[in-house]
């Protein structure tokens, strides 16, 4: 019987990172809840054992029920009738199994019925779920919206809604509209305050993942006469109160089990979440950062599945008297797939740990005043999380798509047929570099960390940790590549030309991401020999890519921008 946690030792490696001790101790407030809740850990070792046991349950459910149901879900898909969305039969079974196993509201505090997990093991569960069924990870992973409720809702709203999420009710974030895609400042769904102080919502939302959920977080225009982000607020809509119908669900290329809905709000009762006018400026930004980390985990799960499907087929398929894995061209493809998988995963968990650190300090600040050192540490990790999140989502989703492509290529003609899982994997993978901000928008979010030197400082901090033995030559190559990156950044920024910077942003961001992932793989290889092959393959790969980008920048004249202006 497959278990998607225990069959992948790389997950346990990342769970045991040295920073986890501080994360867990802070999250558990020095384990002071052990006397109040019988399932709360008494020390660090107890907490880690608890995470492993829960992840083992996640792995078992995913390796059997959810993975076994994936094909049936893809064939049946979600449906819409009489203003409601309906899950595929096997999706209903998946949700029921997860509810009964207590896998909803994992990161929520125990006082609301959650498991009080840090972000890192929760994201690990998302990684595992995505490997089993990418579309189902959307439904299960939207429990992360409860984090926004917890951070910005009133205590009364927390007590009202979060226990329902922990018991298994589903959530959605209703942001996008027909005329407001990534440009959320253009949202026009109207929020009207009645004389008694309550609110109603009117308008249309589109492309809403799990749009017929039980509890919705809704971005709406609360300020009459406004047209920008300062007129938007966040609201909570409870499906029990009625007022929202599903007009249609989208007929999508992939993730067929996840209903993507167009919603019509007609005098739908809602509650203001947090303060007026802060919906986009503060709350959606926090919501989107969490969602992007979730898509990064989803991407890694797809990469894992694509690599395993390709590896298994290459070992079994024989041509010219031998398994095709023995052909150098196929062996190289598999080695590169594994390197991309390992690189995106190590970046994912580095990002998750940074998110954990600053969010835990933010939560502690709700209970007491932070010390000066704690405030400084919170700001440090917040800056790092802000820098790495767009890299994890942007580059991780691109690697996910590349691995899905190569999975089909290794299968040859068979990969184009629905007889093999790789055809579904390819379709499911495609959305990861589009939703929750396209790869191009991740570059927009990341470029300021290039120009401020945040990425370069982080890269050099990794280099300072030192690498001996067989890893020393790789570290020397990365040091030389770092100087190429620094020179390219200087050349672009010193031109003082915003159009030129925008044009080169993708190349500069990719160079930074490649170096960060390469160094993280070296750090993994320092403590686990199994990562050395990927460190070698990935360093070779990114050396070519960084050199290519550096040469393009050095030989490019800003005057040539006119040639790229296609109207």
Protein backbone atom coordinates (compact mmCIF):
# COMPACT_ATOMS: atom_id res chain seq x y z
CA UNK A 1 0.00 0.00 0.00
CA UNK A 2 1.50 3.33 -1.08
CA UNK A 3 2.20 6.06 1.44
CA UNK A 4 3.17 9.36 -0.18
CA UNK A 5 4.99 10.58 2.94
CA UNK A 6 7.03 7.55 3.94
CA UNK A 7 8.00 6.69 0.35
CA UNK A 8 9.70 10.09 -0.03
CA UNK A 9 12.64 10.60 2.38
CA UNK A 10 13.24 14.08 0.95
CA UNK A 11 10.22 15.33 2.88
CA UNK A 12 11.57 14.19 6.23
CA UNK A 13 14.90 15.83 5.39
CA UNK A 14 13.21 19.22 4.99
CA UNK A 15 11.02 18.73 8.05
CA UNK A 16 14.14 18.20 10.19
CA UNK A 17 15.80 21.50 9.24
CA UNK A 18 17.62 23.08 12.23
CA UNK A 19 15.39 26.21 12.17
CA UNK A 20 12.39 24.01 12.97
CA UNK A 21 13.35 23.84 16.64
CA UNK A 22 12.94 27.58 17.03
CA UNK A 23 9.79 27.63 14.90
CA UNK A 24 8.14 24.89 16.94
CA UNK A 25 9.17 26.30 20.31
CA UNK A 26 7.76 29.72 19.40
CA UNK A 27 4.62 28.27 17.84
CA UNK A 28 3.93 26.19 20.95
CA UNK A 29 4.77 29.09 23.30
CA UNK A 30 7.36 26.94 25.04
CA UNK A 31 4.86 24.03 25.12
CA UNK A 32 2.56 25.72 27.63
CA UNK A 33 -0.63 24.19 26.14
CA UNK A 34 0.33 20.63 27.07
CA UNK A 35 -1.65 20.76 30.32
CA UNK A 36 -4.73 22.23 28.62
CA UNK A 37 -5.01 19.96 25.58
CA UNK A 38 -4.17 16.27 25.76
CA UNK A 39 -2.95 16.28 22.14
CA UNK A 40 -0.62 19.28 22.59
CA UNK A 41 3.12 18.39 22.60
CA UNK A 42 5.20 18.57 25.78
CA UNK A 43 8.51 19.29 24.05
CA UNK A 44 10.13 19.68 20.64
CA UNK A 45 10.62 15.95 20.07
CA UNK A 46 6.97 15.31 20.95
CA UNK A 47 5.85 18.00 18.48
CA UNK A 48 7.97 16.62 15.66
CA UNK A 49 6.69 13.13 16.34
CA UNK A 50 3.16 14.52 16.13
CA UNK A 51 3.84 16.19 12.77
CA UNK A 52 5.30 12.96 11.41
CA UNK A 53 2.30 10.93 12.56
CA UNK A 54 -0.14 13.35 10.93
CA UNK A 55 1.92 13.49 7.73
CA UNK A 56 1.97 9.69 7.74
CA UNK A 57 -1.85 9.78 7.80
CA UNK A 58 -1.86 12.35 4.98
CA UNK A 59 0.55 10.17 3.02
CA UNK A 60 -1.54 7.04 3.49
CA UNK A 61 -4.82 8.73 2.49
CA UNK A 62 -3.16 10.33 -0.52
CA UNK A 63 -1.33 7.18 -1.61
CA UNK A 64 -4.52 5.18 -1.60
CA UNK A 65 -7.90 6.95 -1.63
CA UNK A 66 -7.09 10.30 -3.27
CA UNK A 67 -4.58 8.98 -5.83
CA UNK A 68 -6.86 6.05 -6.65
CA UNK A 69 -9.76 8.46 -7.23
CA UNK A 70 -7.82 10.96 -9.37
CA UNK A 71 -8.67 9.44 -12.75
CA UNK A 72 -12.38 9.08 -11.95
CA UNK A 73 -12.52 12.69 -10.74
CA UNK A 74 -10.81 13.89 -13.92
CA UNK A 75 -13.33 12.02 -16.08
CA UNK A 76 -16.48 13.05 -14.19
CA UNK A 77 -15.42 16.55 -13.15
CA UNK A 78 -17.56 19.05 -11.27
CA UNK A 79 -21.02 20.06 -12.48
CA UNK A 80 -23.51 22.89 -12.12
CA UNK A 81 -27.29 22.72 -11.72
CA UNK A 82 -29.97 24.98 -10.24
CA UNK A 83 -27.50 27.63 -9.12
CA UNK A 84 -25.23 25.23 -7.27
CA UNK A 85 -21.90 23.52 -8.01
CA UNK A 86 -21.51 19.82 -7.36
CA UNK A 87 -18.28 17.87 -6.83
CA UNK A 88 -17.46 14.65 -8.62
CA UNK A 89 -18.54 11.61 -6.60
CA UNK A 90 -14.97 10.65 -5.74
CA UNK A 91 -14.19 14.22 -4.64
CA UNK A 92 -17.00 13.96 -2.09
CA UNK A 93 -15.35 10.76 -0.85
CA UNK A 94 -11.94 12.48 -0.67
CA UNK A 95 -13.33 15.35 1.41
CA UNK A 96 -15.15 12.96 3.72
CA UNK A 97 -11.98 10.97 4.36
CA UNK A 98 -9.99 14.14 5.09
CA UNK A 99 -12.66 15.41 7.48
CA UNK A 100 -12.79 12.14 9.38
CA UNK A 101 -8.99 12.10 9.63
CA UNK A 102 -8.98 15.62 11.12
CA UNK A 103 -6.98 17.14 8.28
CA UNK A 104 -8.96 20.37 7.99
CA UNK A 105 -7.87 23.55 9.78
CA UNK A 106 -4.42 22.06 10.39
CA UNK A 107 -2.69 25.40 11.00
CA UNK A 108 -5.42 26.87 13.19
CA UNK A 109 -5.04 27.24 16.98
CA UNK A 110 -6.30 24.46 19.21
CA UNK A 111 -8.86 26.70 20.89
CA UNK A 112 -10.73 26.76 17.56
CA UNK A 113 -10.38 23.02 16.95
CA UNK A 114 -7.22 23.12 14.84
CA UNK A 115 -3.95 21.21 15.16
CA UNK A 116 -1.81 24.35 15.64
CA UNK A 117 0.62 23.22 12.94
CA UNK A 118 3.33 25.60 11.77
CA UNK A 119 3.14 26.56 8.08
CA UNK A 120 6.02 24.24 7.13
CA UNK A 121 4.43 20.85 7.93
CA UNK A 122 1.08 22.14 6.62
CA UNK A 123 2.73 23.06 3.30
CA UNK A 124 4.33 19.62 3.31
CA UNK A 125 0.87 18.10 3.52
CA UNK A 126 -0.17 20.27 0.54
CA UNK A 127 2.84 18.99 -1.40
CA UNK A 128 1.72 15.41 -0.70
CA UNK A 129 -1.96 16.06 -1.54
CA UNK A 130 -1.02 17.68 -4.85
CA UNK A 131 1.00 14.63 -5.86
CA UNK A 132 -2.15 12.54 -5.32
CA UNK A 133 -4.60 14.85 -7.12
CA UNK A 134 -3.65 18.39 -8.12
CA UNK A 135 -7.24 19.60 -8.41
CA UNK A 136 -8.22 18.22 -5.02
CA UNK A 137 -5.34 20.14 -3.42
CA UNK A 138 -7.20 23.32 -4.42
CA UNK A 139 -10.26 22.32 -2.41
CA UNK A 140 -8.36 20.96 0.58
CA UNK A 141 -5.77 23.76 0.48
CA UNK A 142 -8.32 26.58 0.61
CA UNK A 143 -8.53 25.92 4.34
CA UNK A 144 -5.58 28.32 4.29
CA UNK A 145 -8.14 31.16 3.88
CA UNK A 146 -8.89 30.62 7.58
CA UNK A 147 -5.47 32.16 8.26
CA UNK A 148 -6.77 35.47 6.90
CA UNK A 149 -9.86 35.16 9.10
CA UNK A 150 -7.62 34.50 12.07
CA UNK A 151 -5.28 37.40 11.32
CA UNK A 152 -7.82 40.09 10.49
CA UNK A 153 -11.24 39.00 11.73
CA UNK A 154 -12.68 39.92 15.11
CA UNK A 155 -12.53 37.42 17.96
CA UNK A 156 -16.26 36.89 17.50
CA UNK A 157 -15.74 36.09 13.78
CA UNK A 158 -12.88 33.75 14.58
CA UNK A 159 -15.00 31.84 17.09
CA UNK A 160 -17.91 31.73 14.64
CA UNK A 161 -16.16 30.56 11.48
CA UNK A 162 -12.80 28.92 12.21
CA UNK A 163 -14.22 25.93 14.15
CA UNK A 164 -16.45 25.24 11.13
CA UNK A 165 -13.37 25.11 8.88
CA UNK A 166 -11.63 22.78 11.33
CA UNK A 167 -14.69 20.53 11.25
CA UNK A 168 -14.42 20.31 7.47
CA UNK A 169 -16.42 23.14 5.90
CA UNK A 170 -14.86 24.54 2.74
CA UNK A 171 -13.68 28.05 1.89
CA UNK A 172 -13.08 30.24 -1.16
CA UNK A 173 -11.57 33.64 -1.86
CA UNK A 174 -13.81 35.63 -4.20
CA UNK A 175 -11.53 38.21 -5.80
CA UNK A 176 -11.60 38.10 -9.61
CA UNK A 177 -14.35 39.67 -11.73
CA UNK A 178 -15.09 39.62 -15.49
CA UNK A 179 -13.43 43.04 -15.88
CA UNK A 180 -10.92 42.68 -13.05
CA UNK A 181 -8.48 39.81 -13.40
CA UNK A 182 -5.04 40.47 -11.99
CA UNK A 183 -5.97 44.18 -11.78
CA UNK A 184 -7.87 43.85 -8.52
CA UNK A 185 -8.04 47.64 -8.10
CA UNK A 186 -10.81 47.47 -10.73
CA UNK A 187 -13.09 45.26 -8.61
CA UNK A 188 -16.65 46.67 -8.69
CA UNK A 189 -18.77 44.13 -6.75
CA UNK A 190 -20.76 46.51 -4.59
CA UNK A 191 -20.95 46.38 -0.81
CA UNK A 192 -23.80 48.44 0.65
CA UNK A 193 -24.25 49.17 4.35
CA UNK A 194 -27.88 49.16 5.45
CA UNK A 195 -29.39 51.43 8.09
CA UNK A 196 -28.99 48.76 10.76
CA UNK A 197 -25.24 48.59 10.06
CA UNK A 198 -25.29 45.24 8.23
CA UNK A 199 -23.89 44.78 4.73
CA UNK A 200 -25.18 43.26 1.49
CA UNK A 201 -23.21 42.41 -1.65
CA UNK A 202 -24.30 42.77 -5.28
CA UNK A 203 -22.43 41.94 -8.47
CA UNK A 204 -20.55 39.18 -10.27
CA UNK A 205 -17.36 37.26 -9.51
CA UNK A 206 -15.62 35.03 -12.04
CA UNK A 207 -12.93 32.33 -12.02
CA UNK A 208 -13.59 31.58 -8.34
CA UNK A 209 -11.96 28.33 -7.26
CA UNK A 210 -14.39 26.26 -5.17
CA UNK A 211 -16.88 29.11 -5.61
CA UNK A 212 -19.81 27.29 -4.03
CA UNK A 213 -17.93 26.83 -0.76
CA UNK A 214 -19.43 27.16 2.71
CA UNK A 215 -17.52 30.30 3.74
CA UNK A 216 -16.27 32.99 1.34
CA UNK A 217 -13.80 35.83 1.73
CA UNK A 218 -15.01 38.50 -0.70
CA UNK A 219 -13.28 41.61 -2.02
CA UNK A 220 -15.89 44.29 -2.65
CA UNK A 221 -16.20 48.06 -3.22
CA UNK A 222 -17.51 49.57 -0.02
CA UNK A 223 -16.79 53.24 -0.68
CA UNK A 224 -19.21 55.01 -2.99
CA UNK A 225 -17.60 56.90 -5.87
CA UNK A 226 -14.17 55.28 -5.64
CA UNK A 227 -12.41 53.48 -8.48
CA UNK A 228 -9.11 52.34 -6.99
CA UNK A 229 -7.85 49.99 -4.30
CA UNK A 230 -8.57 52.46 -1.50
CA UNK A 231 -12.29 51.90 -1.90
CA UNK A 232 -12.19 48.14 -1.36
CA UNK A 233 -12.92 46.15 1.78
CA UNK A 234 -12.93 42.48 2.71
CA UNK A 235 -16.16 40.71 3.63
CA UNK A 236 -17.19 37.29 4.95
CA UNK A 237 -20.12 35.61 3.21
CA UNK A 238 -21.79 32.57 4.78
CA UNK A 239 -23.49 30.25 2.28
CA UNK A 240 -26.12 29.42 4.92
CA UNK A 241 -27.53 32.94 4.50
CA UNK A 242 -28.22 32.64 0.77
CA UNK A 243 -27.99 35.36 -1.84
CA UNK A 244 -25.27 33.87 -4.08
CA UNK A 245 -25.89 31.58 -7.03
CA UNK A 246 -23.48 29.77 -9.30
CA UNK A 247 -24.24 30.96 -12.83
CA UNK A 248 -21.84 28.51 -14.46
CA UNK A 249 -18.64 26.56 -13.90
CA UNK A 250 -15.78 26.78 -16.35
CA UNK A 251 -14.99 23.88 -18.69
CA UNK A 252 -11.26 23.74 -18.02
CA UNK A 253 -8.24 22.04 -19.55
CA UNK A 254 -7.21 20.49 -16.24
CA UNK A 255 -7.87 20.29 -12.48
CA UNK A 256 -11.35 19.13 -13.50
CA UNK A 257 -12.38 18.15 -9.98
CA UNK A 258 -11.97 21.71 -8.71
CA UNK A 259 -15.08 23.74 -9.71
CA UNK A 260 -14.16 27.18 -11.06
CA UNK A 261 -17.30 29.25 -10.73
CA UNK A 262 -18.99 32.41 -11.94
CA UNK A 263 -21.00 33.75 -9.02
CA UNK A 264 -23.93 36.17 -8.94
CA UNK A 265 -24.41 38.11 -5.70
CA UNK A 266 -27.93 39.48 -5.13
CA UNK A 267 -28.34 41.28 -1.81
CA UNK A 268 -26.14 38.63 -0.20
CA UNK A 269 -25.71 39.30 3.54
CA UNK A 270 -22.08 39.69 4.56
CA UNK A 271 -19.87 40.76 7.46
CA UNK A 272 -17.09 43.30 7.22
CA UNK A 273 -13.74 41.63 7.97
CA UNK A 274 -11.24 43.99 9.56
CA UNK A 275 -11.31 47.68 8.69
CA UNK A 276 -12.94 49.42 5.75
CA UNK A 277 -10.72 50.41 2.81
CA UNK A 278 -8.04 47.86 3.77
CA UNK A 279 -9.39 44.98 1.69
CA UNK A 280 -6.87 45.13 -1.13
CA UNK A 281 -4.13 47.18 0.44
CA UNK A 282 -3.59 44.83 3.37
CA UNK A 283 -5.86 41.79 3.57
CA UNK A 284 -5.78 40.52 -0.01
CA UNK A 285 -2.02 40.98 -0.14
CA UNK A 286 -1.70 38.67 2.89
CA UNK A 287 -4.26 36.27 1.42
CA UNK A 288 -2.45 36.14 -1.93
CA UNK A 289 0.96 35.54 -0.34
CA UNK A 290 -0.46 32.51 1.43
CA UNK A 291 -2.16 31.33 -1.75
CA UNK A 292 1.07 31.70 -3.74
CA UNK A 293 2.94 29.57 -1.24
CA UNK A 294 0.17 27.01 -1.62
CA UNK A 295 0.54 27.01 -5.42
CA UNK A 296 4.30 26.58 -4.98
CA UNK A 297 3.56 23.46 -2.91
CA UNK A 298 1.05 22.30 -5.50
CA UNK A 299 3.68 22.75 -8.21
CA UNK A 300 6.23 20.67 -6.31
CA UNK A 301 3.67 17.90 -5.84
CA UNK A 302 3.00 17.82 -9.59
CA UNK A 303 6.75 17.81 -10.31
CA UNK A 304 7.14 14.85 -7.97
CA UNK A 305 4.38 12.91 -9.69
CA UNK A 306 5.66 13.75 -13.18
CA UNK A 307 9.18 12.63 -12.28
CA UNK A 308 8.00 9.36 -10.74
CA UNK A 309 5.74 8.53 -13.68
CA UNK A 310 8.58 9.24 -16.13
CA UNK A 311 11.12 7.25 -14.10
CA UNK A 312 8.87 4.22 -13.80
CA UNK A 313 8.05 4.21 -17.52
CA UNK A 314 11.71 4.66 -18.51
CA UNK A 315 12.67 1.64 -16.39
CA UNK A 316 9.92 -0.55 -17.84
CA UNK A 317 9.82 0.50 -21.50
CA UNK A 318 12.27 -1.44 -23.65
CA UNK A 319 13.55 -0.43 -27.08
CA UNK A 320 16.36 -1.98 -29.11
CA UNK A 321 16.78 -4.69 -26.49
CA UNK A 322 17.17 -2.49 -23.39
CA UNK A 323 15.22 -0.22 -21.05
CA UNK A 324 15.06 3.33 -22.41
CA UNK A 325 16.51 4.68 -19.15
CA UNK A 326 19.83 3.26 -20.39
CA UNK A 327 19.89 5.70 -23.30
CA UNK A 328 21.92 8.80 -22.35
CA UNK A 329 19.36 11.23 -23.76
CA UNK A 330 16.61 9.78 -21.56
CA UNK A 331 18.88 9.46 -18.51
CA UNK A 332 19.83 13.13 -18.83
CA UNK A 333 16.18 14.20 -19.04
CA UNK A 334 15.38 12.27 -15.86
CA UNK A 335 18.39 13.68 -14.02
CA UNK A 336 17.36 17.23 -14.95
CA UNK A 337 13.76 16.54 -13.91
CA UNK A 338 14.97 15.34 -10.51
CA UNK A 339 17.26 18.35 -10.13
CA UNK A 340 14.41 20.76 -10.92
CA UNK A 341 12.17 18.91 -8.47
CA UNK A 342 14.76 19.02 -5.70
CA UNK A 343 15.58 22.67 -6.40
CA UNK A 344 11.97 23.83 -6.31
CA UNK A 345 11.26 21.79 -3.19
CA UNK A 346 14.24 23.13 -1.24
CA UNK A 347 13.17 26.69 -2.14
CA UNK A 348 9.58 25.89 -1.12
CA UNK A 349 10.56 24.80 2.38
CA UNK A 350 13.08 27.58 2.88
CA UNK A 351 10.27 30.01 2.06
CA UNK A 352 7.83 28.19 4.33
CA UNK A 353 10.25 28.40 7.27
CA UNK A 354 10.73 32.14 6.72
CA UNK A 355 6.93 32.60 6.58
CA UNK A 356 6.61 30.59 9.79
CA UNK A 357 9.09 32.77 11.64
CA UNK A 358 7.52 36.13 10.89
CA UNK A 359 3.91 34.95 11.19
CA UNK A 360 4.54 33.36 14.58
CA UNK A 361 6.06 36.61 15.83
CA UNK A 362 3.05 38.51 14.48
CA UNK A 363 0.79 36.15 16.41
CA UNK A 364 2.82 36.54 19.60
CA UNK A 365 2.52 40.33 19.17
CA UNK A 366 -1.27 39.94 19.55
CA UNK A 367 -0.65 38.51 23.04
CA UNK A 368 2.17 40.69 24.31
CA UNK A 369 4.65 43.35 23.25
CA UNK A 370 7.63 41.98 21.35
CA UNK A 371 11.14 42.74 22.50
CA UNK A 372 13.38 44.85 20.27
CA UNK A 373 15.26 41.72 19.19
CA UNK A 374 12.02 39.90 18.40
CA UNK A 375 10.74 42.82 16.33
CA UNK A 376 14.01 42.95 14.40
CA UNK A 377 13.89 39.19 13.77
CA UNK A 378 10.26 39.41 12.65
CA UNK A 379 11.12 42.15 10.13
CA UNK A 380 14.13 40.16 8.91
CA UNK A 381 12.12 37.03 8.19
CA UNK A 382 9.19 39.01 6.79
CA UNK A 383 11.54 40.59 4.25
CA UNK A 384 13.01 37.19 3.33
CA UNK A 385 9.56 35.61 2.98
CA UNK A 386 8.42 38.50 0.80
CA UNK A 387 11.49 38.01 -1.39
CA UNK A 388 11.27 34.22 -1.74
CA UNK A 389 7.50 33.74 -2.15
CA UNK A 390 7.35 35.03 -5.77
CA UNK A 391 10.42 32.92 -6.62
CA UNK A 392 8.92 29.78 -5.10
CA UNK A 393 5.64 30.29 -6.94
CA UNK A 394 7.05 31.62 -10.21
CA UNK A 395 10.03 29.32 -10.75
CA UNK A 396 8.42 26.34 -9.03
CA UNK A 397 5.40 26.48 -11.33
CA UNK A 398 7.62 26.84 -14.41
CA UNK A 399 9.64 23.77 -13.37
CA UNK A 400 6.39 21.94 -12.72
CA UNK A 401 5.27 22.61 -16.30
CA UNK A 402 8.66 21.62 -17.70
CA UNK A 403 8.65 18.33 -15.77
CA UNK A 404 5.11 17.56 -16.95
CA UNK A 405 6.23 18.24 -20.55
CA UNK A 406 9.26 15.98 -20.20
CA UNK A 407 7.15 13.27 -18.57
CA UNK A 408 5.08 13.05 -21.74
CA UNK A 409 8.20 13.21 -23.92
CA UNK A 410 9.72 10.22 -22.13
CA UNK A 411 6.48 8.29 -22.65
CA UNK A 412 6.62 9.10 -26.37
CA UNK A 413 3.39 8.48 -28.27
CA UNK A 414 1.91 6.68 -25.27
CA UNK A 415 2.16 9.89 -23.27
CA UNK A 416 -0.29 11.56 -25.65
CA UNK A 417 -2.93 8.95 -24.83
CA UNK A 418 -5.30 8.95 -21.88
CA UNK A 419 -4.10 5.44 -20.97
CA UNK A 420 -1.28 7.00 -18.91
CA UNK A 421 -1.42 9.46 -16.03
CA UNK A 422 1.08 11.83 -17.64
CA UNK A 423 -1.59 13.21 -19.99
CA UNK A 424 -3.65 14.33 -16.96
CA UNK A 425 -0.53 15.59 -15.18
CA UNK A 426 0.32 17.77 -18.19
CA UNK A 427 -3.15 19.34 -18.23
CA UNK A 428 -3.22 19.85 -14.45
CA UNK A 429 0.24 21.41 -14.40
CA UNK A 430 -0.52 24.17 -16.87
CA UNK A 431 -2.61 26.31 -14.51
CA UNK A 432 0.09 26.58 -11.83
CA UNK A 433 2.01 29.29 -13.69
CA UNK A 434 -1.20 31.25 -14.34
CA UNK A 435 -3.46 31.49 -11.30
CA UNK A 436 -2.72 33.43 -8.11
CA UNK A 437 -0.57 35.70 -10.26
CA UNK A 438 1.11 34.64 -13.50
CA UNK A 439 4.84 34.04 -13.65
CA UNK A 440 5.16 37.48 -15.20
CA UNK A 441 3.46 39.06 -12.17
CA UNK A 442 5.77 37.12 -9.85
CA UNK A 443 8.66 38.82 -11.66
CA UNK A 444 7.03 42.20 -10.99
CA UNK A 445 6.81 41.30 -7.29
CA UNK A 446 10.40 40.02 -7.17
CA UNK A 447 12.34 42.64 -9.11
CA UNK A 448 12.57 45.10 -6.20
CA UNK A 449 14.49 42.48 -4.26
CA UNK A 450 16.99 42.46 -7.13
CA UNK A 451 17.40 46.23 -7.15
CA UNK A 452 17.60 46.57 -3.35
CA UNK A 453 20.22 43.81 -3.11
CA UNK A 454 18.10 41.51 -0.94
CA UNK A 455 18.69 38.52 -3.19
CA UNK A 456 22.41 39.15 -3.50
CA UNK A 457 22.76 39.46 0.28
CA UNK A 458 20.90 36.18 0.78
CA UNK A 459 23.01 34.41 -1.86
CA UNK A 460 26.21 35.58 -0.19
CA UNK A 461 24.94 34.52 3.24
CA UNK A 462 24.52 30.99 1.87
CA UNK A 463 28.02 31.08 0.34
CA UNK A 464 29.50 32.10 3.70
CA UNK A 465 28.34 28.84 5.29
CA UNK A 466 31.25 27.10 3.56
CA UNK A 467 31.44 23.96 1.49
CA UNK A 468 34.30 21.47 1.62
CA UNK A 469 35.19 18.17 0.03
CA UNK A 470 33.35 17.25 -3.15
CA UNK A 471 31.08 20.28 -2.80
CA UNK A 472 33.91 22.82 -2.89
CA UNK A 473 34.24 22.89 -6.71
CA UNK A 474 30.48 23.43 -7.04
CA UNK A 475 30.61 26.27 -4.53
CA UNK A 476 33.48 27.87 -6.46
CA UNK A 477 31.45 27.75 -9.66
CA UNK A 478 28.47 29.31 -7.91
CA UNK A 479 30.70 32.06 -6.49
CA UNK A 480 31.82 32.93 -10.03
CA UNK A 481 28.23 32.87 -11.27
CA UNK A 482 27.23 35.14 -8.39
CA UNK A 483 29.68 37.75 -9.64
CA UNK A 484 28.17 37.47 -13.13
CA UNK A 485 24.77 38.08 -11.60
CA UNK A 486 26.00 41.05 -9.56
CA UNK A 487 27.60 42.59 -12.66
CA UNK A 488 24.40 42.12 -14.67
CA UNK A 489 22.34 43.78 -11.93
CA UNK A 490 24.75 46.71 -11.80
CA UNK A 491 24.71 47.13 -15.58
CA UNK A 492 20.92 47.26 -15.74
CA UNK A 493 20.29 49.39 -12.67
CA UNK A 494 23.03 51.90 -13.42
CA UNK A 495 21.42 52.67 -16.78
CA UNK A 496 18.66 54.39 -14.80
CA UNK A 497 16.11 53.42 -17.45
CA UNK A 498 12.84 52.00 -16.08
CA UNK A 499 11.77 50.50 -19.43
CA UNK A 500 15.15 48.78 -19.73
CA UNK A 501 14.86 47.45 -16.15
CA UNK A 502 11.35 46.13 -16.82
CA UNK A 503 12.57 44.38 -19.97
CA UNK A 504 15.47 42.70 -18.18
CA UNK A 505 13.55 41.96 -14.97
CA UNK A 506 12.72 38.36 -15.87
CA UNK A 507 16.35 37.53 -16.60
CA UNK A 508 17.61 39.14 -13.40
CA UNK A 509 14.96 37.45 -11.24
CA UNK A 510 15.65 34.07 -12.81
CA UNK A 511 19.39 34.46 -12.22
CA UNK A 512 18.77 35.24 -8.56
CA UNK A 513 16.37 32.30 -8.19
CA UNK A 514 18.77 29.88 -9.86
CA UNK A 515 21.60 30.87 -7.52
CA UNK A 516 19.43 30.67 -4.41
CA UNK A 517 18.18 27.19 -5.32
CA UNK A 518 21.66 26.01 -6.27
CA UNK A 519 23.08 27.08 -2.92
CA UNK A 520 20.15 25.55 -1.05
CA UNK A 521 20.84 22.24 -2.82
CA UNK A 522 24.47 22.46 -1.75
CA UNK A 523 23.34 23.00 1.83
CA UNK A 524 21.06 19.95 1.50
CA UNK A 525 23.98 17.91 0.15
CA UNK A 526 26.12 18.92 3.16
CA UNK A 527 23.81 17.01 5.46
CA UNK A 528 22.41 14.38 3.10
CA UNK A 529 24.56 12.71 0.46
CA UNK A 530 21.51 11.82 -1.62
CA UNK A 531 21.19 15.44 -2.81
CA UNK A 532 24.68 15.59 -4.28
CA UNK A 533 23.67 14.34 -7.73
CA UNK A 534 20.96 16.96 -8.03
CA UNK A 535 23.39 19.63 -6.80
CA UNK A 536 25.81 18.69 -9.59
CA UNK A 537 23.15 18.50 -12.30
CA UNK A 538 21.44 21.70 -11.21
CA UNK A 539 24.70 23.67 -10.98
CA UNK A 540 25.59 22.58 -14.51
CA UNK A 541 22.15 23.56 -15.73
CA UNK A 542 22.01 26.99 -14.13
CA UNK A 543 25.59 27.81 -15.09
CA UNK A 544 24.48 27.69 -18.72
CA UNK A 545 21.32 29.69 -18.00
CA UNK A 546 23.03 32.40 -15.94
CA UNK A 547 25.81 32.75 -18.51
CA UNK A 548 23.21 33.05 -21.27
CA UNK A 549 21.32 35.80 -19.42
CA UNK A 550 24.51 37.65 -18.48
CA UNK A 551 25.73 37.64 -22.08
CA UNK A 552 22.36 38.82 -23.36
CA UNK A 553 22.40 41.75 -20.93
CA UNK A 554 26.01 42.71 -21.63
CA UNK A 555 25.49 42.72 -25.41
CA UNK A 556 22.09 44.44 -25.38
CA UNK A 557 21.63 48.16 -26.01
CA UNK A 558 18.59 49.96 -24.50
CA UNK A 559 17.97 51.47 -27.93
CA UNK A 560 17.07 47.96 -29.13
CA UNK A 561 13.92 48.02 -26.96
CA UNK A 562 12.06 49.57 -29.90
CA UNK A 563 12.39 46.31 -31.83
CA UNK A 564 10.44 44.49 -29.11
CA UNK A 565 7.53 46.94 -29.12
CA UNK A 566 4.89 45.00 -31.08
CA UNK A 567 1.68 46.99 -31.69
